[in-house]
Amino acid sequence: MQKKRRKKKSKIFTIVLIIIGLYAFFALARQQREINHLRTQKTNYEEKIQQAKQEIVSIENSLKNATSNENIEKMAREKLRMIHADEIIFIDIGKTED
């Protein structure tokens, strides 16, 4: 009689251990997938940060250059099509703009 109880308790204990083991395995697998996903996100965000830093440096350099008279004049000529008072503009009629 006691052997049957021991076998029954042993089987129940084994089943419980297997269930706990399976749960732990699947929980760890899920966490590992989540960790990999978060690492990928971290890498993407770090790349975006680097791009933003490079853009900031580029903009700062543009601002530094924009304060010189030569660069102001260049920008006025190119973007606003301004000229000096004593200059004459010749327009090529045969030229087509793309």
Foldseek 3Di string as FASTA:
>chain_A
DVVVVVVVVVVVVVVVVVVVVVVVVVVVVVVVVVVVVVVVVVVVVVVVVVVVVVVVVVVVVVVVVCPDPVNVVVCCCPPVVDDDPPDDDDDDPPDDDD
